[in-house]
Protein backbone atom coordinates (compact mmCIF):
# COMPACT_ATOMS: atom_id res chain seq x y z
CA UNK A 1 -68.87 120.03 259.54
CA UNK A 2 -69.53 116.42 260.54
CA UNK A 3 -70.69 115.40 263.97
CA UNK A 4 -68.45 112.35 264.24
CA UNK A 5 -64.71 112.28 264.87
CA UNK A 6 -62.38 109.59 263.58
CA UNK A 7 -61.96 108.19 267.11
CA UNK A 8 -65.73 108.15 267.69
CA UNK A 9 -66.29 106.34 264.42
CA UNK A 10 -63.68 103.76 265.37
CA UNK A 11 -65.17 103.25 268.84
CA UNK A 12 -68.68 102.89 267.38
CA UNK A 13 -67.66 99.72 265.56
CA UNK A 14 -68.00 97.81 268.83
CA UNK A 15 -71.55 99.02 269.59
CA UNK A 16 -74.48 98.15 267.29
CA UNK A 17 -76.55 101.16 266.26
CA UNK A 18 -76.90 103.99 263.74
CA UNK A 19 -74.57 107.00 264.04
CA UNK A 20 -75.32 110.20 262.12
CA UNK A 21 -72.47 112.32 260.81
CA UNK A 22 -74.67 114.92 259.09
CA UNK A 23 -76.01 115.78 255.62
CA UNK A 24 -77.37 112.27 255.16
CA UNK A 25 -74.20 110.35 256.07
CA UNK A 26 -74.65 107.47 258.54
CA UNK A 27 -72.48 104.83 260.12
CA UNK A 28 -74.57 101.69 260.66
CA UNK A 29 -73.30 98.89 262.89
CA UNK A 30 -75.29 95.64 263.02
CA UNK A 31 -75.60 93.25 265.95
CA UNK A 32 -73.26 90.91 264.13
CA UNK A 33 -70.69 93.74 264.21
CA UNK A 34 -70.98 94.34 260.49
CA UNK A 35 -70.45 98.06 259.83
CA UNK A 36 -71.10 100.18 256.73
CA UNK A 37 -71.26 103.77 255.56
CA UNK A 38 -74.56 104.87 254.01
CA UNK A 39 -75.57 108.21 252.53
CA UNK A 40 -79.22 109.19 252.23
CA UNK A 41 -80.05 111.53 249.34
CA UNK A 42 -83.46 112.97 248.49
CA UNK A 43 -84.17 114.09 244.93
CA UNK A 44 -87.49 115.01 243.31
CA UNK A 45 -89.44 113.68 246.27
CA UNK A 46 -87.64 110.34 246.33
CA UNK A 47 -85.31 109.32 249.16
CA UNK A 48 -82.69 106.66 248.55
CA UNK A 49 -79.88 105.18 250.59
CA UNK A 50 -76.56 104.48 248.89
CA UNK A 51 -73.99 102.05 250.27
CA UNK A 52 -70.51 103.60 250.42
CA UNK A 53 -68.51 100.65 251.68
CA UNK A 54 -67.48 98.81 254.82
CA UNK A 55 -66.63 101.09 257.75
CA UNK A 56 -63.75 98.75 258.58
CA UNK A 57 -62.17 99.53 255.21
CA UNK A 58 -63.38 103.06 254.42
CA UNK A 59 -62.27 105.86 256.77
CA UNK A 60 -64.54 108.66 257.96
CA UNK A 61 -62.79 111.13 255.65
CA UNK A 62 -63.20 108.81 252.65
CA UNK A 63 -66.86 108.22 253.49
CA UNK A 64 -67.49 112.00 253.59
CA UNK A 65 -65.81 112.41 250.20
CA UNK A 66 -67.90 109.60 248.69
CA UNK A 67 -71.08 111.02 250.21
CA UNK A 68 -70.31 114.42 248.63
CA UNK A 69 -69.83 112.75 245.23
CA UNK A 70 -73.19 110.98 245.52
CA UNK A 71 -75.02 114.16 246.57
CA UNK A 72 -73.53 116.03 243.60
CA UNK A 73 -74.40 113.23 241.15
CA UNK A 74 -78.03 113.06 242.29
CA UNK A 75 -78.90 116.64 243.20
CA UNK A 76 -76.87 118.57 240.64
CA UNK A 77 -76.23 116.19 237.75
CA UNK A 78 -79.61 114.46 238.03
CA UNK A 79 -78.15 110.98 237.63
CA UNK A 80 -80.01 107.81 238.63
CA UNK A 81 -77.28 106.02 240.54
CA UNK A 82 -79.49 103.00 241.24
CA UNK A 83 -80.11 102.43 237.53
CA UNK A 84 -76.41 102.89 236.83
CA UNK A 85 -75.58 100.23 239.40
CA UNK A 86 -78.08 97.85 237.84
CA UNK A 87 -76.47 98.38 234.45
CA UNK A 88 -73.07 97.63 235.91
CA UNK A 89 -74.34 94.36 237.39
CA UNK A 90 -76.14 93.45 234.18
CA UNK A 91 -73.00 93.98 232.14
CA UNK A 92 -71.28 91.27 234.17
CA UNK A 93 -74.01 88.56 233.93
CA UNK A 94 -74.62 86.69 230.68
CA UNK A 95 -77.89 85.03 229.66
CA UNK A 96 -76.23 81.62 229.98
CA UNK A 97 -75.12 82.38 233.55
CA UNK A 98 -78.56 83.68 234.50
CA UNK A 99 -80.27 80.62 232.99
CA UNK A 100 -78.04 78.23 234.90
CA UNK A 101 -78.57 80.21 238.10
CA UNK A 102 -82.35 79.95 237.68
CA UNK A 103 -82.10 76.25 236.87
CA UNK A 104 -80.04 75.63 240.01
CA UNK A 105 -82.34 77.74 242.18
CA UNK A 106 -85.36 75.67 241.10
CA UNK A 107 -83.59 72.32 241.47
CA UNK A 108 -85.79 71.23 244.38
CA UNK A 109 -88.97 72.05 242.46
CA UNK A 110 -88.42 69.76 239.47
CA UNK A 111 -90.67 66.70 239.61
CA UNK A 112 -88.30 64.62 237.51
CA UNK A 113 -84.55 64.98 236.82
CA UNK A 114 -85.33 64.26 233.16
CA UNK A 115 -87.68 67.23 232.99
CA UNK A 116 -85.10 69.47 234.62
CA UNK A 117 -82.54 68.39 232.04
CA UNK A 118 -84.98 69.01 229.20
CA UNK A 119 -85.72 72.51 230.47
CA UNK A 120 -82.08 73.53 230.18
CA UNK A 121 -81.50 71.50 227.01
CA UNK A 122 -84.10 73.52 225.08
CA UNK A 123 -82.29 76.73 225.97
CA UNK A 124 -78.93 75.23 225.04
CA UNK A 125 -80.33 74.23 221.65
CA UNK A 126 -82.42 77.25 220.71
CA UNK A 127 -81.44 80.22 222.91
CA UNK A 128 -77.78 79.94 223.87
CA UNK A 129 -76.40 80.09 220.28
CA UNK A 130 -77.49 83.74 219.94
CA UNK A 131 -78.25 84.83 223.52
CA UNK A 132 -75.87 82.76 225.65
CA UNK A 133 -72.98 85.21 225.87
CA UNK A 134 -75.09 88.37 225.67
CA UNK A 135 -75.45 90.32 228.96
CA UNK A 136 -78.98 89.94 230.29
CA UNK A 137 -79.23 93.70 230.68
CA UNK A 138 -78.89 94.18 226.93
CA UNK A 139 -81.51 91.67 225.78
CA UNK A 140 -84.55 93.24 224.13
CA UNK A 141 -87.60 91.88 222.32
CA UNK A 142 -85.80 91.93 218.97
CA UNK A 143 -83.10 89.63 220.33
CA UNK A 144 -85.67 87.11 221.56
CA UNK A 145 -87.51 87.20 218.23
CA UNK A 146 -84.30 86.59 216.30
CA UNK A 147 -83.33 83.69 218.58
CA UNK A 148 -86.57 81.73 218.24
CA UNK A 149 -87.89 82.75 214.80
CA UNK A 150 -86.99 79.44 213.12
CA UNK A 151 -88.20 77.06 215.83
CA UNK A 152 -91.31 79.24 216.27
CA UNK A 153 -92.41 78.32 212.75
CA UNK A 154 -90.92 74.83 212.45
CA UNK A 155 -91.95 73.53 215.89
CA UNK A 156 -94.72 75.80 217.26
CA UNK A 157 -95.10 74.11 220.64
CA UNK A 158 -91.35 74.04 221.22
CA UNK A 159 -91.13 77.67 220.11
CA UNK A 160 -93.70 78.73 222.69
CA UNK A 161 -91.85 76.84 225.42
CA UNK A 162 -88.50 78.39 224.48
CA UNK A 163 -89.97 81.90 224.50
CA UNK A 164 -91.55 81.30 227.91
CA UNK A 165 -88.26 80.00 229.32
CA UNK A 166 -86.25 82.91 227.92
CA UNK A 167 -88.64 85.36 229.57
CA UNK A 168 -88.49 83.35 232.81
CA UNK A 169 -84.69 83.73 232.82
CA UNK A 170 -84.94 87.47 232.17
CA UNK A 171 -87.55 87.87 234.93
CA UNK A 172 -85.21 86.03 237.28
CA UNK A 173 -82.39 88.35 236.23
CA UNK A 174 -84.63 91.37 236.77
CA UNK A 175 -85.51 90.20 240.28
CA UNK A 176 -81.80 89.93 241.09
CA UNK A 177 -80.98 93.38 239.78
CA UNK A 178 -79.12 92.15 236.71
CA UNK A 179 -81.34 94.08 234.33
CA UNK A 180 -81.47 97.87 234.44
CA UNK A 181 -85.04 97.94 233.11
CA UNK A 182 -87.70 98.64 235.72
CA UNK A 183 -90.12 96.31 233.92
CA UNK A 184 -89.99 92.49 233.93
CA UNK A 185 -89.33 90.56 230.71
CA UNK A 186 -92.97 89.65 230.09
CA UNK A 187 -93.62 93.29 229.18
CA UNK A 188 -91.23 92.98 226.21
CA UNK A 189 -94.09 91.52 224.14
CA UNK A 190 -91.62 89.46 222.17
CA UNK A 191 -94.39 87.65 220.32
CA UNK A 192 -95.53 90.68 218.31
CA UNK A 193 -92.70 90.42 215.82
CA UNK A 194 -93.15 86.69 215.24
CA UNK A 195 -95.26 85.16 212.43
CA UNK A 196 -98.65 83.69 213.22
CA UNK A 197 -98.40 80.04 214.17
CA UNK A 198 -100.65 77.38 212.64
CA UNK A 199 -103.92 77.03 214.52
CA UNK A 200 -103.93 74.26 217.11
CA UNK A 201 -105.93 71.16 216.29
CA UNK A 202 -108.75 71.52 218.81
CA UNK A 203 -110.32 68.29 217.49
CA UNK A 204 -107.52 66.34 219.19
CA UNK A 205 -107.42 68.36 222.41
CA UNK A 206 -105.67 66.32 225.10
CA UNK A 207 -106.56 66.24 228.78
CA UNK A 208 -103.68 67.01 231.11
CA UNK A 209 -102.39 63.76 232.58
CA UNK A 210 -102.66 65.38 236.03
CA UNK A 211 -106.47 65.45 235.61
CA UNK A 212 -106.87 61.88 234.39
CA UNK A 213 -106.94 60.07 237.79
CA UNK A 214 -109.89 62.11 239.05
CA UNK A 215 -111.65 61.78 235.69
CA UNK A 216 -111.30 58.00 235.74
CA UNK A 217 -112.64 57.83 239.27
CA UNK A 218 -115.67 59.90 238.28
CA UNK A 219 -116.47 57.46 235.48
CA UNK A 220 -116.58 54.54 237.89
CA UNK A 221 -119.64 56.04 239.59
CA UNK A 222 -121.94 54.81 236.80
CA UNK A 223 -121.88 51.78 234.48
CA UNK A 224 -122.03 51.69 230.70
CA UNK A 225 -119.98 49.93 228.06
CA UNK A 226 -119.08 53.35 226.70
CA UNK A 227 -117.60 54.40 230.02
CA UNK A 228 -115.73 51.09 230.36
CA UNK A 229 -114.38 51.39 226.83
CA UNK A 230 -113.11 54.90 227.48
CA UNK A 231 -111.43 53.80 230.72
CA UNK A 232 -109.78 50.92 228.86
CA UNK A 233 -108.68 53.28 226.08
CA UNK A 234 -106.99 55.55 228.58
CA UNK A 235 -105.33 52.75 230.57
CA UNK A 236 -103.93 51.03 227.45
CA UNK A 237 -103.10 54.21 225.45
CA UNK A 238 -104.78 52.48 222.52
CA UNK A 239 -106.70 53.99 219.62
CA UNK A 240 -110.46 54.19 219.90
CA UNK A 241 -111.07 51.85 216.99
CA UNK A 242 -108.77 49.20 218.43
CA UNK A 243 -110.72 49.22 221.71
CA UNK A 244 -114.19 49.33 220.15
CA UNK A 245 -113.35 46.39 217.92
CA UNK A 246 -111.73 44.28 220.64
CA UNK A 247 -113.10 40.71 221.02
CA UNK A 248 -112.61 38.29 223.90
CA UNK A 249 -110.41 35.93 221.84
CA UNK A 250 -107.77 38.68 221.75
CA UNK A 251 -107.61 38.89 225.55
CA UNK A 252 -105.41 36.60 227.66
CA UNK A 253 -106.33 37.44 231.25
CA UNK A 254 -103.80 34.98 232.72
CA UNK A 255 -100.85 36.37 230.77
CA UNK A 256 -102.23 39.90 231.08
CA UNK A 257 -101.96 40.52 227.35
CA UNK A 258 -104.19 41.92 224.64
CA UNK A 259 -103.07 40.87 221.16
CA UNK A 260 -104.52 43.02 218.41
CA UNK A 261 -104.30 41.42 214.95
CA UNK A 262 -102.60 43.37 212.19
CA UNK A 263 -105.81 43.76 210.19
CA UNK A 264 -107.21 46.02 212.94
CA UNK A 265 -104.07 48.09 213.40
CA UNK A 266 -103.31 51.33 211.59
CA UNK A 267 -99.86 50.04 210.58
CA UNK A 268 -101.29 46.63 209.65
CA UNK A 269 -98.94 44.92 212.09
CA UNK A 270 -99.89 42.80 215.11
CA UNK A 271 -99.63 44.74 218.36
CA UNK A 272 -99.42 43.23 221.84
CA UNK A 273 -100.59 45.38 224.76
CA UNK A 274 -99.55 44.54 228.36
CA UNK A 275 -102.52 44.92 230.70
CA UNK A 276 -102.14 46.63 234.08
CA UNK A 277 -104.22 45.72 237.12
CA UNK A 278 -106.69 48.62 236.57
CA UNK A 279 -107.09 47.59 232.91
CA UNK A 280 -107.84 44.01 233.98
CA UNK A 281 -110.39 45.33 236.46
CA UNK A 282 -112.20 47.07 233.61
CA UNK A 283 -112.22 43.84 231.61
CA UNK A 284 -113.64 41.92 234.57
CA UNK A 285 -116.53 44.37 234.79
CA UNK A 286 -117.15 44.05 231.06
CA UNK A 287 -117.02 40.23 231.33
CA UNK A 288 -119.58 40.24 234.13
CA UNK A 289 -121.97 42.28 231.96
CA UNK A 290 -121.21 40.45 228.69
CA UNK A 291 -124.12 40.52 226.23
CA UNK A 292 -125.33 37.28 224.68
CA UNK A 293 -124.70 36.81 220.99
CA UNK A 294 -121.58 38.97 220.69
CA UNK A 295 -117.87 38.45 221.23
CA UNK A 296 -117.17 42.17 221.46
CA UNK A 297 -115.62 43.23 224.75
CA UNK A 298 -117.38 46.58 224.67
CA UNK A 299 -120.53 46.20 222.57
CA UNK A 300 -123.19 48.81 221.96
CA UNK A 301 -125.75 48.55 224.75
CA UNK A 302 -128.78 48.46 222.44
CA UNK A 303 -127.59 46.67 219.32
CA UNK A 304 -124.80 44.46 220.65
CA UNK A 305 -122.78 45.56 217.63
CA UNK A 306 -119.58 47.59 217.61
CA UNK A 307 -120.17 50.99 219.15
CA UNK A 308 -119.31 54.11 217.18
CA UNK A 309 -116.51 56.55 217.97
CA UNK A 310 -119.21 59.06 218.86
CA UNK A 311 -120.17 56.88 221.83
CA UNK A 312 -116.86 57.52 223.56
CA UNK A 313 -116.94 61.18 222.60
CA UNK A 314 -120.44 61.42 224.08
CA UNK A 315 -119.08 60.11 227.41
CA UNK A 316 -116.63 63.00 227.44
CA UNK A 317 -119.23 65.57 226.45
CA UNK A 318 -121.68 64.31 229.08
CA UNK A 319 -118.89 64.86 231.62
CA UNK A 320 -118.51 68.43 230.41
CA UNK A 321 -115.06 67.71 228.97
CA UNK A 322 -113.90 69.47 225.75
CA UNK A 323 -111.16 66.90 225.10
CA UNK A 324 -110.97 64.32 222.33
CA UNK A 325 -110.70 60.57 222.79
CA UNK A 326 -107.54 60.36 220.69
CA UNK A 327 -105.98 63.07 222.87
CA UNK A 328 -105.49 60.61 225.74
CA UNK A 329 -102.64 59.05 223.76
CA UNK A 330 -100.90 62.42 223.92
CA UNK A 331 -101.67 62.63 227.64
CA UNK A 332 -99.97 59.27 228.15
CA UNK A 333 -96.98 60.34 226.06
CA UNK A 334 -96.61 63.57 228.06
CA UNK A 335 -96.71 61.61 231.32
CA UNK A 336 -93.94 59.29 230.12
CA UNK A 337 -91.77 62.24 229.04
CA UNK A 338 -92.31 64.50 232.03
CA UNK A 339 -92.87 62.18 234.98
CA UNK A 340 -90.88 59.00 234.29
CA UNK A 341 -87.49 57.77 233.17
CA UNK A 342 -88.86 55.27 230.63
CA UNK A 343 -87.09 55.63 227.26
CA UNK A 344 -88.93 57.38 224.48
CA UNK A 345 -88.69 54.37 222.15
CA UNK A 346 -90.57 52.24 224.70
CA UNK A 347 -93.37 54.82 224.82
CA UNK A 348 -93.49 54.95 221.02
CA UNK A 349 -93.71 51.16 220.91
CA UNK A 350 -96.61 51.27 223.38
CA UNK A 351 -98.40 53.68 221.05
CA UNK A 352 -97.70 51.35 218.09
CA UNK A 353 -95.96 54.13 216.20
CA UNK A 354 -93.84 53.20 213.22
CA UNK A 355 -90.24 54.43 213.13
CA UNK A 356 -89.55 56.47 210.01
CA UNK A 357 -85.77 56.22 210.37
CA UNK A 358 -84.67 52.83 209.03
CA UNK A 359 -81.48 52.76 211.09
CA UNK A 360 -83.37 53.45 214.31
CA UNK A 361 -85.99 50.88 213.35
CA UNK A 362 -83.28 48.26 212.96
CA UNK A 363 -82.27 48.76 216.60
CA UNK A 364 -85.89 48.53 217.74
CA UNK A 365 -86.63 45.07 216.40
CA UNK A 366 -88.76 43.20 218.88
CA UNK A 367 -91.73 44.54 220.77
CA UNK A 368 -89.94 45.60 223.99
CA UNK A 369 -92.71 43.73 225.76
CA UNK A 370 -91.26 43.47 229.26
CA UNK A 371 -90.17 47.11 229.29
CA UNK A 372 -93.62 48.12 228.09
CA UNK A 373 -95.23 45.95 230.74
CA UNK A 374 -93.38 47.84 233.48
CA UNK A 375 -94.35 51.14 231.90
CA UNK A 376 -98.05 50.25 231.54
CA UNK A 377 -98.11 48.96 235.14
CA UNK A 378 -96.69 52.31 236.26
CA UNK A 379 -99.24 54.19 234.16
CA UNK A 380 -102.07 52.09 235.59
CA UNK A 381 -100.81 52.63 239.15
CA UNK A 382 -100.59 56.37 238.53
CA UNK A 383 -104.13 56.54 237.15
CA UNK A 384 -105.59 54.30 239.85
CA UNK A 385 -103.49 55.21 242.88
CA UNK A 386 -103.66 58.98 242.46
CA UNK A 387 -107.39 58.76 241.90
CA UNK A 388 -108.02 57.31 245.34
CA UNK A 389 -106.97 60.56 246.95
CA UNK A 390 -108.26 62.85 244.24
CA UNK A 391 -111.17 65.22 244.47
CA UNK A 392 -113.90 63.85 242.22
CA UNK A 393 -116.13 65.93 239.98
CA UNK A 394 -119.20 63.75 239.21
CA UNK A 395 -120.21 63.18 235.61
CA UNK A 396 -123.09 65.39 234.52
CA UNK A 397 -126.40 63.60 234.11
CA UNK A 398 -128.38 64.25 230.96
CA UNK A 399 -132.03 65.16 231.20
CA UNK A 400 -134.19 62.09 231.71
CA UNK A 401 -131.36 59.91 232.99
């Protein structure tokens, strides 16, 4: 027999508090006058509270009937009502809906609108075709493997990103109770059924663009033509050989241009590089220390001849960096893609990449010089401006230096 009467339950709606009816049934009234029926059931040492509905809509008699049903389901039938409720929620939320909910929830965290769009675009391209309309509660490792198997082999880096984003969506769904599983998506181990990807080329390991400002600042602490050449390589996104072979006749300080003749370019075509303020500052230091008898901008300190590629690599190794000189071109390209709104064809032109598609190449006639100038100025400002407030890790000194 319950302790509450129908009139008492009705009167309690005006006074915040918890009112016990007996056998685990409670009427809970919040300060905001929200009221609900809750039944507390203990089974196998675990105590759980189950919501039975609003007390303004569910009568005392109905609440007692619902409480009895819950007690029977848990104590006698051994059912896990919490898991059942999760499954019901999961059945109503698709992977597409969960992905868009996560994307919207993280809107304020995206550094660039372009990056935010790319995040969702990869799922639309590679995940939504097979997972989009599937309830998140039903997705298992085999579904993830099937969705990304092709891109995993064809585009390894993209495949890894898609897998990570799929699992991020499922973890988000798990946190919101849309997946009945007690474990988050990362425990699915979806990679075990995928083929081994080609080994990464560690010889071209790229430094994260976020670390470049502090690295450049650390190199300014000591002078050498090798250090200046590496700074200039980073600031111009040029190839090592193009920088090491640069001569002063190629440099127009007034117009802020470096014109590399076709004979020194990989594609055998003349390439014009806009020079940012930090790049010009490097050239001014090199000019002040110019060696007699050579027109090279960055000559070898001892011989005055063109320095070897190993000289720039040695600068990196002396700094304790595992990265490769050529990798800074990738760092620049990543920065353009993830942190700016500059078009991809402008970045490709800055890297002096040839366009394989003849139709696209026809639309890219011209060197996009002014657009590239704005982009290289922005890159130089990023590298120089961020460095001023960055924490600097000094270059390691070799024994005897």
